[in-house]
Amino acid sequence: MNILSVEPISFNTICKVIGATHISAYQKEKFFHNHSIEIGRIMESKISSGEFQGMMSNRPLVLFKPIKNSFTKAGDKMLLAETLGIKPKEVTSYVRNVVDAIKSGNIDIIPEDKLETVKTYVYRHGKKGDVIDFLDYELAYAGDILGVLYRTLSYNAGGVADYFVRPIHRMNNSTLVSVYDVIDKNLKNAKHVGNISVEECDKTSEWALVRIYEIQNNQKLRNAVKLRDELS
């Protein structure tokens, strides 16, 4: 499949390309770059759709409270160290060990309360790769994958949306593809084991793609406003 010559571009085409397992992340990123204008028009027409919100209206959300902190990253780091019972200089290596554990599936070696605390910290100050790894972990072990996904892609919930709303955490097309790949993979796994229906999987996957695009463009708007204020 030559994704760079697909015509015409439609929403179904976008979903097929970005959800394809035989296409590399680089090719997907290039597809978004080469067809940014057409994709933008199509995605923006989808953003106002309320289908998914209606589908989710009666589902309980799985919420967790972010670390209550209005200080700087250094302050959060000190708070995390105190919570974990380690020294502040040990936080970076501790977080790295936790991320490695969830990537390898060895989460049993980490107490659940400490795992949740590190997850909260990562969603505030972590590296993009760590955020994506935690998203993968959350969705893989979710009792209600649709509720967890809806929460993490909503603002003011301490999840993925809040992480990428910060100008310092830029969501480029490569990151967009990585986030979507993790979501799509876990939705398909949930469908395979019967936790969600085929219709729920398809609708949620499409909604997630639109929502991630919306988050990316909200960030671009915030960055533009920030730059304007700095220049004025």
Protein backbone atom coordinates (compact mmCIF):
# COMPACT_ATOMS: atom_id res chain seq x y z
CA MET A 1 0.00 0.00 0.00
CA ASN A 2 1.53 3.28 -1.10
CA ILE A 3 0.10 5.58 1.55
CA LEU A 4 1.73 8.64 0.01
CA SER A 5 -0.34 8.35 -3.17
CA VAL A 6 -3.73 7.50 -1.66
CA GLU A 7 -6.47 9.59 -3.29
CA PRO A 8 -8.87 10.93 -2.35
CA ILE A 9 -8.18 11.44 1.35
CA SER A 10 -11.17 10.61 3.54
CA PHE A 11 -11.71 9.97 7.23
CA ASN A 12 -11.85 6.23 6.56
CA THR A 13 -8.56 6.46 4.69
CA ILE A 14 -6.94 8.27 7.62
CA CYS A 15 -8.20 5.62 10.07
CA LYS A 16 -7.00 2.77 7.85
CA VAL A 17 -3.55 4.26 7.40
CA ILE A 18 -2.89 5.20 11.01
CA GLY A 19 -4.36 1.92 12.31
CA ALA A 20 -2.48 -0.32 9.86
CA THR A 21 0.01 -2.70 11.46
CA HIS A 22 2.02 -3.24 8.26
CA ILE A 23 2.84 0.46 7.91
CA SER A 24 5.71 1.90 9.91
CA ALA A 25 5.32 4.80 12.34
CA TYR A 26 7.60 6.85 10.08
CA GLN A 27 5.32 6.25 7.08
CA LYS A 28 2.26 7.23 9.10
CA GLU A 29 3.99 10.40 10.27
CA LYS A 30 4.95 11.21 6.68
CA PHE A 31 1.36 10.60 5.59
CA PHE A 32 0.15 13.18 8.14
CA HIS A 33 2.82 15.62 7.02
CA ASN A 34 2.20 15.26 3.28
CA HIS A 35 -1.58 15.52 3.59
CA SER A 36 -1.79 17.94 6.51
CA ILE A 37 -4.21 20.36 4.79
CA GLU A 38 -6.70 17.69 3.68
CA ILE A 39 -6.44 15.85 7.00
CA GLY A 40 -6.95 19.11 8.90
CA ARG A 41 -10.17 19.88 7.06
CA ILE A 42 -11.52 16.36 7.59
CA MET A 43 -10.56 16.13 11.27
CA GLU A 44 -11.91 19.56 12.14
CA SER A 45 -15.28 18.56 10.68
CA LYS A 46 -15.30 15.61 13.10
CA ILE A 47 -14.28 17.42 16.28
CA SER A 48 -17.78 18.73 17.01
CA SER A 49 -19.31 15.25 16.84
CA GLY A 50 -21.02 14.23 20.07
CA GLU A 51 -21.52 10.56 19.24
CA PHE A 52 -18.87 9.26 21.60
CA GLN A 53 -19.87 11.56 24.45
CA GLY A 54 -23.40 10.23 24.11
CA MET A 55 -22.18 6.65 24.09
CA MET A 56 -20.14 7.28 27.23
CA SER A 57 -22.72 9.33 29.15
CA ASN A 58 -23.83 6.48 31.40
CA ARG A 59 -20.40 4.93 31.95
CA PRO A 60 -18.56 5.67 35.24
CA LEU A 61 -15.18 7.29 34.79
CA VAL A 62 -12.08 5.91 36.50
CA LEU A 63 -10.59 9.01 38.07
CA PHE A 64 -7.50 9.58 40.17
CA LYS A 65 -6.42 12.77 41.84
CA PRO A 66 -3.22 14.36 40.55
CA ILE A 67 -0.55 15.26 43.10
CA LYS A 68 -1.89 18.38 44.79
CA ASN A 69 0.91 20.75 44.04
CA SER A 70 1.09 24.31 42.76
CA PHE A 71 4.87 24.50 42.95
CA THR A 72 7.58 23.89 40.39
CA LYS A 73 8.89 20.61 39.04
CA ALA A 74 11.52 20.66 41.78
CA GLY A 75 8.77 20.91 44.37
CA ASP A 76 6.92 17.99 42.82
CA LYS A 77 10.12 16.00 42.77
CA MET A 78 10.70 16.60 46.47
CA LEU A 79 7.09 15.66 47.23
CA LEU A 80 7.41 12.46 45.20
CA ALA A 81 10.64 11.55 46.98
CA GLU A 82 8.98 12.05 50.35
CA THR A 83 5.99 9.96 49.29
CA LEU A 84 8.22 7.12 48.07
CA GLY A 85 10.58 7.33 51.05
CA ILE A 86 13.65 8.03 48.91
CA LYS A 87 16.04 10.92 48.38
CA PRO A 88 15.19 13.53 45.69
CA LYS A 89 18.33 12.60 43.75
CA GLU A 90 17.02 9.03 43.50
CA VAL A 91 13.71 10.01 41.88
CA THR A 92 14.92 9.85 38.29
CA SER A 93 16.33 6.34 38.60
CA TYR A 94 13.25 5.19 40.56
CA VAL A 95 10.92 6.45 37.83
CA ARG A 96 13.12 4.78 35.22
CA ASN A 97 12.90 1.46 37.07
CA VAL A 98 9.11 1.73 37.29
CA VAL A 99 8.80 2.48 33.57
CA ASP A 100 11.07 -0.45 32.74
CA ALA A 101 8.94 -2.68 34.99
CA ILE A 102 5.66 -1.79 33.30
CA LYS A 103 7.22 -2.19 29.86
CA SER A 104 8.44 -5.69 30.77
CA GLY A 105 5.19 -6.63 32.53
CA ASN A 106 6.84 -6.95 35.96
CA ILE A 107 4.44 -4.61 37.76
CA ASP A 108 4.01 -7.06 40.66
CA ILE A 109 7.36 -5.96 42.06
CA ILE A 110 6.04 -2.42 42.63
CA PRO A 111 3.42 -1.63 45.32
CA GLU A 112 0.22 -0.36 43.72
CA ASP A 113 0.17 2.89 45.70
CA LYS A 114 3.71 3.74 44.62
CA LEU A 115 2.92 2.81 41.03
CA GLU A 116 -0.02 5.23 41.03
CA THR A 117 2.07 7.98 42.59
CA VAL A 118 4.81 7.62 39.97
CA LYS A 119 2.18 7.56 37.23
CA THR A 120 0.79 10.87 38.48
CA TYR A 121 4.28 12.39 38.50
CA VAL A 122 5.06 11.11 34.99
CA TYR A 123 1.82 12.60 33.64
CA ARG A 124 3.01 15.95 35.00
CA HIS A 125 6.74 15.98 34.31
CA GLY A 126 7.75 12.74 32.58
CA LYS A 127 9.31 12.22 29.19
CA LYS A 128 6.95 11.65 26.28
CA GLY A 129 8.05 8.05 25.93
CA ASP A 130 7.34 7.41 29.61
CA VAL A 131 3.87 8.95 29.29
CA ILE A 132 3.10 6.68 26.33
CA ASP A 133 4.38 3.64 28.25
CA PHE A 134 2.14 4.50 31.21
CA LEU A 135 -0.81 5.01 28.87
CA ASP A 136 -0.14 1.54 27.45
CA TYR A 137 -0.05 0.11 30.99
CA GLU A 138 -3.24 1.90 32.04
CA LEU A 139 -5.21 0.67 29.06
CA ALA A 140 -3.80 -2.87 29.16
CA TYR A 141 -4.85 -3.38 32.79
CA ALA A 142 -8.04 -1.31 32.73
CA GLY A 143 -11.20 -2.93 34.02
CA ASP A 144 -13.13 -0.35 32.00
CA ILE A 145 -10.91 0.62 29.08
CA LEU A 146 -13.47 3.03 27.62
CA GLY A 147 -13.82 4.89 30.91
CA VAL A 148 -10.04 5.11 31.40
CA LEU A 149 -9.52 6.28 27.84
CA TYR A 150 -12.25 8.90 28.06
CA ARG A 151 -10.80 10.19 31.33
CA THR A 152 -7.18 10.39 30.21
CA LEU A 153 -8.11 12.23 27.00
CA SER A 154 -10.19 14.76 28.95
CA TYR A 155 -8.70 17.92 30.42
CA ASN A 156 -8.38 18.44 34.19
CA ALA A 157 -8.17 14.70 34.83
CA GLY A 158 -4.41 14.35 35.30
CA GLY A 159 -3.91 12.26 32.18
CA VAL A 160 -2.60 12.45 28.62
CA ALA A 161 -4.63 15.53 27.65
CA ASP A 162 -3.29 17.54 30.59
CA TYR A 163 0.28 16.46 29.83
CA PHE A 164 0.16 17.64 26.23
CA VAL A 165 -1.66 20.88 26.97
CA ARG A 166 1.63 22.23 28.36
CA PRO A 167 3.73 24.05 25.70
CA ILE A 168 6.89 22.28 26.90
CA HIS A 169 5.39 18.90 25.92
CA ARG A 170 4.98 19.31 22.19
CA MET A 171 2.89 16.71 20.38
CA ASN A 172 4.34 16.40 16.90
CA ASN A 173 2.99 13.98 14.30
CA SER A 174 5.37 11.25 15.47
CA THR A 175 4.00 11.50 19.01
CA LEU A 176 0.43 11.61 17.71
CA VAL A 177 1.03 8.35 15.84
CA SER A 178 2.63 6.72 18.90
CA VAL A 179 -0.25 7.69 21.20
CA TYR A 180 -2.83 6.46 18.73
CA ASP A 181 -0.99 3.18 18.08
CA VAL A 182 -1.07 2.39 21.81
CA ILE A 183 -4.77 3.23 22.07
CA ASP A 184 -5.74 1.30 18.96
CA LYS A 185 -3.72 -1.75 20.00
CA ASN A 186 -5.34 -1.93 23.44
CA LEU A 187 -8.84 -1.38 22.06
CA LYS A 188 -8.34 -4.26 19.65
CA ASN A 189 -7.02 -6.44 22.49
CA ALA A 190 -10.07 -5.57 24.61
CA LYS A 191 -12.34 -6.45 21.69
CA HIS A 192 -10.49 -9.73 21.15
CA VAL A 193 -11.09 -10.90 24.74
CA GLY A 194 -14.70 -9.72 24.70
CA ASN A 195 -14.42 -6.75 27.06
CA ILE A 196 -15.87 -4.39 24.45
CA SER A 197 -17.93 -4.93 21.33
CA VAL A 198 -16.74 -4.53 17.74
CA GLU A 199 -18.88 -1.39 17.46
CA GLU A 200 -17.44 0.09 20.67
CA CYS A 201 -13.92 -0.66 19.48
CA ASP A 202 -14.43 0.97 16.07
CA LYS A 203 -16.30 4.02 17.37
CA THR A 204 -13.83 4.61 20.20
CA SER A 205 -10.81 4.19 17.96
CA GLU A 206 -12.19 6.79 15.55
CA TRP A 207 -13.11 9.14 18.40
CA ALA A 208 -9.65 8.78 19.95
CA LEU A 209 -7.97 9.73 16.68
CA VAL A 210 -10.07 12.87 16.40
CA ARG A 211 -9.54 13.68 20.08
CA ILE A 212 -5.75 13.33 19.85
CA TYR A 213 -5.74 15.58 16.80
CA GLU A 214 -7.83 18.11 18.72
CA ILE A 215 -5.39 18.01 21.66
CA GLN A 216 -2.46 18.52 19.29
CA ASN A 217 -4.08 21.55 17.68
CA ASN A 218 -5.19 23.03 21.01
CA GLN A 219 -1.53 22.92 21.96
CA LYS A 220 -0.52 24.67 18.74
CA LEU A 221 -3.05 27.41 19.48
CA ARG A 222 -1.74 27.85 23.02
CA ASN A 223 1.83 28.05 21.72
CA ALA A 224 0.81 30.67 19.17
CA VAL A 225 -0.87 32.78 21.86
CA LYS A 226 2.17 32.39 24.11
CA LEU A 227 4.49 33.51 21.29
CA ARG A 228 2.25 36.48 20.52
CA ASP A 229 2.31 37.58 24.15
CA GLU A 230 6.10 37.24 24.28
CA LEU A 231 6.51 39.38 21.16
CA SER A 232 4.02 42.07 22.18
